[in-house]
């Protein structure tokens, strides 16, 4: 491939991973918000147990996506194949 295409792919992968990181951070933030102050969400979800499990699930998925996005950004900048495959 020409050098310009590889450079473009590197930056596109970086931007995609930044978006994954931002989405994961937002999910983790919502999970913390629901876990700390569930009163606003109790109107939507009838059962308290479902709300609690949902908050922890959002938090876990958000942290996992944030970590994955961070490692992807780092792998894209360093051109590290193992980090990108992870």
PDB file of N, CA and C in Angstrom:
ATOM      1  N   UNK A   1       0.822  -1.194   0.000  1.00  0.00           N
ATOM      2  CA  UNK A   1       0.000   0.000   0.000  1.00  0.00           C
ATOM      3  C   UNK A   1       0.863   1.254   0.000  1.00  0.00           C
ATOM      4  N   UNK A   2       0.367   2.311  -0.632  1.00  0.00           N
ATOM      5  CA  UNK A   2       1.093   3.582  -0.562  1.00  0.00           C
ATOM      6  C   UNK A   2       1.107   4.118   0.872  1.00  0.00           C
ATOM      7  N   UNK A   3       2.084   4.936   1.160  1.00  0.00           N
ATOM      8  CA  UNK A   3       2.266   5.448   2.523  1.00  0.00           C
ATOM      9  C   UNK A   3       1.077   6.297   2.970  1.00  0.00           C
ATOM     10  N   UNK A   4       0.456   7.031   2.067  1.00  0.00           N
ATOM     11  CA  UNK A   4      -0.689   7.876   2.424  1.00  0.00           C
ATOM     12  C   UNK A   4      -1.884   7.064   2.895  1.00  0.00           C
ATOM     13  N   UNK A   5      -2.101   5.900   2.271  1.00  0.00           N
ATOM     14  CA  UNK A   5      -3.221   5.041   2.661  1.00  0.00           C
ATOM     15  C   UNK A   5      -2.995   4.487   4.060  1.00  0.00           C
ATOM     16  N   UNK A   6      -1.781   4.062   4.356  1.00  0.00           N
ATOM     17  CA  UNK A   6      -1.479   3.540   5.690  1.00  0.00           C
ATOM     18  C   UNK A   6      -1.622   4.611   6.753  1.00  0.00           C
ATOM     19  N   UNK A   7      -1.206   5.806   6.444  1.00  0.00           N
ATOM     20  CA  UNK A   7      -1.340   6.907   7.392  1.00  0.00           C
ATOM     21  C   UNK A   7      -2.809   7.238   7.627  1.00  0.00           C
ATOM     22  N   UNK A   8      -3.589   7.238   6.568  1.00  0.00           N
ATOM     23  CA  UNK A   8      -5.023   7.507   6.690  1.00  0.00           C
ATOM     24  C   UNK A   8      -5.701   6.425   7.522  1.00  0.00           C
ATOM     25  N   UNK A   9      -5.347   5.163   7.293  1.00  0.00           N
ATOM     26  CA  UNK A   9      -5.934   4.061   8.063  1.00  0.00           C
ATOM     27  C   UNK A   9      -5.546   4.163   9.528  1.00  0.00           C
ATOM     28  N   UNK A  10      -4.330   4.574   9.787  1.00  0.00           N
ATOM     29  CA  UNK A  10      -3.870   4.733  11.176  1.00  0.00           C
ATOM     30  C   UNK A  10      -4.727   5.755  11.896  1.00  0.00           C
ATOM     31  N   UNK A  11      -4.968   6.897  11.267  1.00  0.00           N
ATOM     32  CA  UNK A  11      -5.756   7.944  11.907  1.00  0.00           C
ATOM     33  C   UNK A  11      -7.231   7.577  11.996  1.00  0.00           C
ATOM     34  N   UNK A  12      -7.756   6.857  10.998  1.00  0.00           N
ATOM     35  CA  UNK A  12      -9.141   6.401  11.076  1.00  0.00           C
ATOM     36  C   UNK A  12      -9.331   5.399  12.218  1.00  0.00           C
ATOM     37  N   UNK A  13      -8.378   4.506  12.395  1.00  0.00           N
ATOM     38  CA  UNK A  13      -8.451   3.562  13.510  1.00  0.00           C
ATOM     39  C   UNK A  13      -8.350   4.301  14.837  1.00  0.00           C
ATOM     40  N   UNK A  14      -7.503   5.329  14.899  1.00  0.00           N
ATOM     41  CA  UNK A  14      -7.377   6.108  16.113  1.00  0.00           C
ATOM     42  C   UNK A  14      -8.697   6.808  16.444  1.00  0.00           C
ATOM     43  N   UNK A  15      -9.318   7.431  15.445  1.00  0.00           N
ATOM     44  CA  UNK A  15     -10.582   8.138  15.666  1.00  0.00           C
ATOM     45  C   UNK A  15     -11.680   7.163  16.088  1.00  0.00           C
ATOM     46  N   UNK A  16     -11.756   6.005  15.441  1.00  0.00           N
ATOM     47  CA  UNK A  16     -12.752   5.004  15.815  1.00  0.00           C
ATOM     48  C   UNK A  16     -12.546   4.560  17.259  1.00  0.00           C
ATOM     49  N   UNK A  17     -11.315   4.340  17.658  1.00  0.00           N
ATOM     50  CA  UNK A  17     -11.040   3.918  19.030  1.00  0.00           C
ATOM     51  C   UNK A  17     -11.306   5.028  20.037  1.00  0.00           C
ATOM     52  N   UNK A  18     -11.107   6.276  19.646  1.00  0.00           N
ATOM     53  CA  UNK A  18     -11.472   7.389  20.523  1.00  0.00           C
ATOM     54  C   UNK A  18     -12.986   7.407  20.737  1.00  0.00           C
ATOM     55  N   UNK A  19     -13.751   7.140  19.676  1.00  0.00           N
ATOM     56  CA  UNK A  19     -15.204   7.080  19.807  1.00  0.00           C
ATOM     57  C   UNK A  19     -15.640   5.924  20.711  1.00  0.00           C
ATOM     58  N   UNK A  20     -14.986   4.776  20.588  1.00  0.00           N
ATOM     59  CA  UNK A  20     -15.286   3.643  21.472  1.00  0.00           C
ATOM     60  C   UNK A  20     -14.952   4.002  22.918  1.00  0.00           C
ATOM     61  N   UNK A  21     -13.820   4.655  23.125  1.00  0.00           N
ATOM     62  CA  UNK A  21     -13.424   5.083  24.468  1.00  0.00           C
ATOM     63  C   UNK A  21     -14.444   6.069  25.045  1.00  0.00           C
ATOM     64  N   UNK A  22     -14.867   7.039  24.234  1.00  0.00           N
ATOM     65  CA  UNK A  22     -15.841   8.032  24.702  1.00  0.00           C
ATOM     66  C   UNK A  22     -17.188   7.377  25.019  1.00  0.00           C
ATOM     67  N   UNK A  23     -17.616   6.451  24.175  1.00  0.00           N
ATOM     68  CA  UNK A  23     -18.864   5.742  24.443  1.00  0.00           C
ATOM     69  C   UNK A  23     -18.793   4.911  25.710  1.00  0.00           C
ATOM     70  N   UNK A  24     -17.678   4.244  25.914  1.00  0.00           N
ATOM     71  CA  UNK A  24     -17.494   3.462  27.131  1.00  0.00           C
ATOM     72  C   UNK A  24     -17.462   4.325  28.369  1.00  0.00           C
ATOM     73  N   UNK A  25     -16.832   5.480  28.262  1.00  0.00           N
ATOM     74  CA  UNK A  25     -16.795   6.409  29.397  1.00  0.00           C
ATOM     75  C   UNK A  25     -18.195   6.926  29.711  1.00  0.00           C
ATOM     76  N   UNK A  26     -18.978   7.228  28.685  1.00  0.00           N
ATOM     77  CA  UNK A  26     -20.362   7.677  28.902  1.00  0.00           C
ATOM     78  C   UNK A  26     -21.202   6.577  29.540  1.00  0.00           C
ATOM     79  N   UNK A  27     -21.063   5.342  29.066  1.00  0.00           N
ATOM     80  CA  UNK A  27     -21.799   4.226  29.669  1.00  0.00           C
ATOM     81  C   UNK A  27     -21.417   4.030  31.125  1.00  0.00           C
ATOM     82  N   UNK A  28     -20.136   4.104  31.414  1.00  0.00           N
ATOM     83  CA  UNK A  28     -19.689   3.968  32.803  1.00  0.00           C
ATOM     84  C   UNK A  28     -20.243   5.106  33.656  1.00  0.00           C
ATOM     85  N   UNK A  29     -20.276   6.306  33.109  1.00  0.00           N
ATOM     86  CA  UNK A  29     -20.829   7.444  33.836  1.00  0.00           C
ATOM     87  C   UNK A  29     -22.305   7.269  34.139  1.00  0.00           C
ATOM     88  N   UNK A  30     -23.075   6.799  33.159  1.00  0.00           N
ATOM     89  CA  UNK A  30     -24.501   6.542  33.386  1.00  0.00           C
ATOM     90  C   UNK A  30     -24.680   5.432  34.411  1.00  0.00           C
ATOM     91  N   UNK A  31     -23.836   4.405  34.330  1.00  0.00           N
ATOM     92  CA  UNK A  31     -23.908   3.316  35.311  1.00  0.00           C
ATOM     93  C   UNK A  31     -23.655   3.802  36.728  1.00  0.00           C
ATOM     94  N   UNK A  32     -22.664   4.667  36.900  1.00  0.00           N
ATOM     95  CA  UNK A  32     -22.381   5.228  38.222  1.00  0.00           C
ATOM     96  C   UNK A  32     -23.545   6.101  38.678  1.00  0.00           C
ATOM     97  N   UNK A  33     -24.081   6.897  37.760  1.00  0.00           N
ATOM     98  CA  UNK A  33     -25.196   7.778  38.096  1.00  0.00           C
ATOM     99  C   UNK A  33     -26.408   6.979  38.563  1.00  0.00           C
ATOM    100  N   UNK A  34     -26.741   5.911  37.838  1.00  0.00           N
ATOM    101  CA  UNK A  34     -27.894   5.093  38.216  1.00  0.00           C
ATOM    102  C   UNK A  34     -27.627   4.358  39.527  1.00  0.00           C
ATOM    103  N   UNK A  35     -26.393   3.901  39.738  1.00  0.00           N
ATOM    104  CA  UNK A  35     -26.078   3.183  40.978  1.00  0.00           C
ATOM    105  C   UNK A  35     -26.122   4.118  42.191  1.00  0.00           C
ATOM    106  N   UNK A  36     -25.694   5.368  42.011  1.00  0.00           N
ATOM    107  CA  UNK A  36     -25.633   6.301  43.131  1.00  0.00           C
ATOM    108  C   UNK A  36     -26.992   6.959  43.395  1.00  0.00           C
ATOM    109  N   UNK A  37     -27.714   7.343  42.351  1.00  0.00           N
ATOM    110  CA  UNK A  37     -28.983   8.053  42.502  1.00  0.00           C
ATOM    111  C   UNK A  37     -30.062   7.390  41.643  1.00  0.00           C
ATOM    112  N   UNK A  38     -30.632   6.281  42.101  1.00  0.00           N
ATOM    113  CA  UNK A  38     -31.590   5.551  41.276  1.00  0.00           C
ATOM    114  C   UNK A  38     -33.000   6.136  41.273  1.00  0.00           C
ATOM    115  N   UNK A  39     -33.257   7.182  42.033  1.00  0.00           N
ATOM    116  CA  UNK A  39     -34.625   7.693  42.160  1.00  0.00           C
ATOM    117  C   UNK A  39     -35.203   8.179  40.835  1.00  0.00           C
ATOM    118  N   UNK A  40     -34.393   8.763  39.985  1.00  0.00           N
ATOM    119  CA  UNK A  40     -34.880   9.241  38.694  1.00  0.00           C
ATOM    120  C   UNK A  40     -35.230   8.126  37.725  1.00  0.00           C
ATOM    121  N   UNK A  41     -34.658   6.966  37.922  1.00  0.00           N
ATOM    122  CA  UNK A  41     -34.892   5.855  37.011  1.00  0.00           C
ATOM    123  C   UNK A  41     -35.920   4.862  37.538  1.00  0.00           C
ATOM    124  N   UNK A  42     -36.380   5.029  38.769  1.00  0.00           N
ATOM    125  CA  UNK A  42     -37.343   4.078  39.318  1.00  0.00           C
ATOM    126  C   UNK A  42     -38.705   4.193  38.650  1.00  0.00           C
ATOM    127  N   UNK A  43     -39.007   5.329  38.048  1.00  0.00           N
ATOM    128  CA  UNK A  43     -40.262   5.454  37.310  1.00  0.00           C
ATOM    129  C   UNK A  43     -40.247   4.597  36.053  1.00  0.00           C
ATOM    130  N   UNK A  44     -39.065   4.470  35.434  1.00  0.00           N
ATOM    131  CA  UNK A  44     -38.935   3.699  34.191  1.00  0.00           C
ATOM    132  C   UNK A  44     -38.895   2.208  34.493  1.00  0.00           C
ATOM    133  N   UNK A  45     -38.122   1.828  35.485  1.00  0.00           N
ATOM    134  CA  UNK A  45     -37.952   0.418  35.834  1.00  0.00           C
ATOM    135  C   UNK A  45     -38.700   0.163  37.142  1.00  0.00           C
ATOM    136  N   UNK A  46     -39.617  -0.789  37.116  1.00  0.00           N
ATOM    137  CA  UNK A  46     -40.468  -1.031  38.282  1.00  0.00           C
ATOM    138  C   UNK A  46     -39.706  -1.720  39.412  1.00  0.00           C
ATOM    139  N   UNK A  47     -38.885  -2.689  39.082  1.00  0.00           N
ATOM    140  CA  UNK A  47     -38.220  -3.488  40.115  1.00  0.00           C
ATOM    141  C   UNK A  47     -36.866  -2.879  40.469  1.00  0.00           C
ATOM    142  N   UNK A  48     -36.614  -2.739  41.743  1.00  0.00           N
ATOM    143  CA  UNK A  48     -35.351  -2.187  42.227  1.00  0.00           C
ATOM    144  C   UNK A  48     -34.181  -3.107  41.885  1.00  0.00           C
ATOM    145  N   UNK A  49     -34.403  -4.428  41.946  1.00  0.00           N
ATOM    146  CA  UNK A  49     -33.319  -5.381  41.650  1.00  0.00           C
ATOM    147  C   UNK A  49     -32.852  -5.253  40.200  1.00  0.00           C
ATOM    148  N   UNK A  50     -33.792  -5.069  39.290  1.00  0.00           N
ATOM    149  CA  UNK A  50     -33.435  -4.920  37.878  1.00  0.00           C
ATOM    150  C   UNK A  50     -32.622  -3.649  37.675  1.00  0.00           C
ATOM    151  N   UNK A  51     -33.002  -2.591  38.358  1.00  0.00           N
ATOM    152  CA  UNK A  51     -32.281  -1.322  38.241  1.00  0.00           C
ATOM    153  C   UNK A  51     -30.857  -1.451  38.769  1.00  0.00           C
ATOM    154  N   UNK A  52     -30.694  -2.127  39.876  1.00  0.00           N
ATOM    155  CA  UNK A  52     -29.368  -2.307  40.460  1.00  0.00           C
ATOM    156  C   UNK A  52     -28.467  -3.146  39.553  1.00  0.00           C
ATOM    157  N   UNK A  53     -29.008  -4.238  39.044  1.00  0.00           N
ATOM    158  CA  UNK A  53     -28.222  -5.096  38.148  1.00  0.00           C
ATOM    159  C   UNK A  53     -27.893  -4.348  36.857  1.00  0.00           C
ATOM    160  N   UNK A  54     -28.851  -3.592  36.346  1.00  0.00           N
ATOM    161  CA  UNK A  54     -28.611  -2.815  35.127  1.00  0.00           C
ATOM    162  C   UNK A  54     -27.529  -1.775  35.306  1.00  0.00           C
ATOM    163  N   UNK A  55     -27.524  -1.140  36.468  1.00  0.00           N
ATOM    164  CA  UNK A  55     -26.492  -0.125  36.735  1.00  0.00           C
ATOM    165  C   UNK A  55     -25.113  -0.754  36.764  1.00  0.00           C
ATOM    166  N   UNK A  56     -24.993  -1.889  37.441  1.00  0.00           N
ATOM    167  CA  UNK A  56     -23.687  -2.558  37.502  1.00  0.00           C
ATOM    168  C   UNK A  56     -23.272  -3.102  36.140  1.00  0.00           C
ATOM    169  N   UNK A  57     -24.244  -3.559  35.354  1.00  0.00           N
ATOM    170  CA  UNK A  57     -23.938  -4.044  34.004  1.00  0.00           C
ATOM    171  C   UNK A  57     -23.450  -2.896  33.119  1.00  0.00           C
ATOM    172  N   UNK A  58     -24.140  -1.744  33.193  1.00  0.00           N
ATOM    173  CA  UNK A  58     -23.686  -0.577  32.437  1.00  0.00           C
ATOM    174  C   UNK A  58     -22.280  -0.164  32.848  1.00  0.00           C
ATOM    175  N   UNK A  59     -22.024  -0.193  34.132  1.00  0.00           N
ATOM    176  CA  UNK A  59     -20.705   0.187  34.638  1.00  0.00           C
ATOM    177  C   UNK A  59     -19.626  -0.770  34.130  1.00  0.00           C
ATOM    178  N   UNK A  60     -19.893  -2.065  34.179  1.00  0.00           N
ATOM    179  CA  UNK A  60     -18.906  -3.057  33.731  1.00  0.00           C
ATOM    180  C   UNK A  60     -18.651  -2.954  32.228  1.00  0.00           C
ATOM    181  N   UNK A  61     -19.716  -2.829  31.440  1.00  0.00           N
ATOM    182  CA  UNK A  61     -19.554  -2.717  29.983  1.00  0.00           C
ATOM    183  C   UNK A  61     -18.848  -1.410  29.634  1.00  0.00           C
ATOM    184  N   UNK A  62     -19.178  -0.344  30.332  1.00  0.00           N
ATOM    185  CA  UNK A  62     -18.530   0.939  30.076  1.00  0.00           C
ATOM    186  C   UNK A  62     -17.046   0.908  30.368  1.00  0.00           C
ATOM    187  N   UNK A  63     -16.674   0.287  31.489  1.00  0.00           N
ATOM    188  CA  UNK A  63     -15.251   0.182  31.824  1.00  0.00           C
ATOM    189  C   UNK A  63     -14.521  -0.687  30.810  1.00  0.00           C
ATOM    190  N   UNK A  64     -15.155  -1.796  30.406  1.00  0.00           N
ATOM    191  CA  UNK A  64     -14.525  -2.678  29.415  1.00  0.00           C
ATOM    192  C   UNK A  64     -14.328  -1.952  28.081  1.00  0.00           C
ATOM    193  N   UNK A  65     -15.347  -1.208  27.635  1.00  0.00           N
ATOM    194  CA  UNK A  65     -15.216  -0.471  26.371  1.00  0.00           C
ATOM    195  C   UNK A  65     -14.180   0.647  26.473  1.00  0.00           C
ATOM    196  N   UNK A  66     -14.129   1.308  27.611  1.00  0.00           N
ATOM    197  CA  UNK A  66     -13.122   2.357  27.792  1.00  0.00           C
ATOM    198  C   UNK A  66     -11.717   1.785  27.719  1.00  0.00           C
ATOM    199  N   UNK A  67     -11.508   0.670  28.385  1.00  0.00           N
ATOM    200  CA  UNK A  67     -10.196   0.020  28.345  1.00  0.00           C
ATOM    201  C   UNK A  67      -9.857  -0.439  26.930  1.00  0.00           C
ATOM    202  N   UNK A  68     -10.826  -1.028  26.261  1.00  0.00           N
ATOM    203  CA  UNK A  68     -10.617  -1.491  24.890  1.00  0.00           C
ATOM    204  C   UNK A  68     -10.309  -0.321  23.954  1.00  0.00           C
ATOM    205  N   UNK A  69     -11.038   0.781  24.099  1.00  0.00           N
ATOM    206  CA  UNK A  69     -10.788   1.963  23.271  1.00  0.00           C
ATOM    207  C   UNK A  69      -9.426   2.574  23.543  1.00  0.00           C
ATOM    208  N   UNK A  70      -9.033   2.616  24.825  1.00  0.00           N
ATOM    209  CA  UNK A  70      -7.726   3.169  25.171  1.00  0.00           C
ATOM    210  C   UNK A  70      -6.606   2.324  24.575  1.00  0.00           C
ATOM    211  N   UNK A  71      -6.709   1.006  24.737  1.00  0.00           N
ATOM    212  CA  UNK A  71      -5.682   0.128  24.172  1.00  0.00           C
ATOM    213  C   UNK A  71      -5.664   0.213  22.647  1.00  0.00           C
ATOM    214  N   UNK A  72      -6.837   0.375  22.037  1.00  0.00           N
ATOM    215  CA  UNK A  72      -6.905   0.531  20.588  1.00  0.00           C
ATOM    216  C   UNK A  72      -6.250   1.816  20.118  1.00  0.00           C
ATOM    217  N   UNK A  73      -6.479   2.914  20.847  1.00  0.00           N
ATOM    218  CA  UNK A  73      -5.836   4.194  20.500  1.00  0.00           C
ATOM    219  C   UNK A  73      -4.324   4.068  20.604  1.00  0.00           C
ATOM    220  N   UNK A  74      -3.879   3.474  21.694  1.00  0.00           N
ATOM    221  CA  UNK A  74      -2.447   3.301  21.892  1.00  0.00           C
ATOM    222  C   UNK A  74      -1.863   2.393  20.813  1.00  0.00           C
ATOM    223  N   UNK A  75      -2.573   1.312  20.484  1.00  0.00           N
ATOM    224  CA  UNK A  75      -2.107   0.396  19.444  1.00  0.00           C
ATOM    225  C   UNK A  75      -2.084   1.034  18.064  1.00  0.00           C
ATOM    226  N   UNK A  76      -3.057   1.899  17.781  1.00  0.00           N
ATOM    227  CA  UNK A  76      -3.090   2.567  16.481  1.00  0.00           C
ATOM    228  C   UNK A  76      -1.941   3.558  16.355  1.00  0.00           C
ATOM    229  N   UNK A  77      -1.641   4.271  17.424  1.00  0.00           N
ATOM    230  CA  UNK A  77      -0.539   5.234  17.351  1.00  0.00           C
ATOM    231  C   UNK A  77       0.811   4.538  17.266  1.00  0.00           C
ATOM    232  N   UNK A  78       0.966   3.438  17.992  1.00  0.00           N
ATOM    233  CA  UNK A  78       2.241   2.709  18.005  1.00  0.00           C
ATOM    234  C   UNK A  78       2.343   1.660  16.904  1.00  0.00           C
ATOM    235  N   UNK A  79       1.241   1.469  16.155  1.00  0.00           N
ATOM    236  CA  UNK A  79       1.163   0.425  15.121  1.00  0.00           C
ATOM    237  C   UNK A  79       1.486  -0.949  15.715  1.00  0.00           C
ATOM    238  N   UNK A  80       0.908  -1.201  16.875  1.00  0.00           N
ATOM    239  CA  UNK A  80       1.128  -2.450  17.579  1.00  0.00           C
ATOM    240  C   UNK A  80       0.022  -3.440  17.216  1.00  0.00           C
ATOM    241  N   UNK A  81       0.373  -4.460  16.493  1.00  0.00           N
ATOM    242  CA  UNK A  81      -0.608  -5.449  16.044  1.00  0.00           C
ATOM    243  C   UNK A  81      -1.274  -6.184  17.217  1.00  0.00           C
ATOM    244  N   UNK A  82      -0.525  -6.618  18.253  1.00  0.00           N
ATOM    245  CA  UNK A  82      -1.198  -7.310  19.376  1.00  0.00           C
ATOM    246  C   UNK A  82      -2.243  -6.437  20.082  1.00  0.00           C
ATOM    247  N   UNK A  83      -1.939  -5.157  20.270  1.00  0.00           N
ATOM    248  CA  UNK A  83      -2.921  -4.284  20.918  1.00  0.00           C
ATOM    249  C   UNK A  83      -4.152  -4.076  20.050  1.00  0.00           C
ATOM    250  N   UNK A  84      -3.970  -3.972  18.748  1.00  0.00           N
ATOM    251  CA  UNK A  84      -5.106  -3.814  17.861  1.00  0.00           C
ATOM    252  C   UNK A  84      -5.931  -5.087  17.768  1.00  0.00           C
ATOM    253  N   UNK A  85      -5.297  -6.231  17.841  1.00  0.00           N
ATOM    254  CA  UNK A  85      -6.040  -7.488  17.810  1.00  0.00           C
ATOM    255  C   UNK A  85      -6.793  -7.738  19.109  1.00  0.00           C
ATOM    256  N   UNK A  86      -6.279  -7.187  20.196  1.00  0.00           N
ATOM    257  CA  UNK A  86      -6.947  -7.349  21.491  1.00  0.00           C
ATOM    258  C   UNK A  86      -8.299  -6.661  21.454  1.00  0.00           C
TER     259      UNK A  86
END
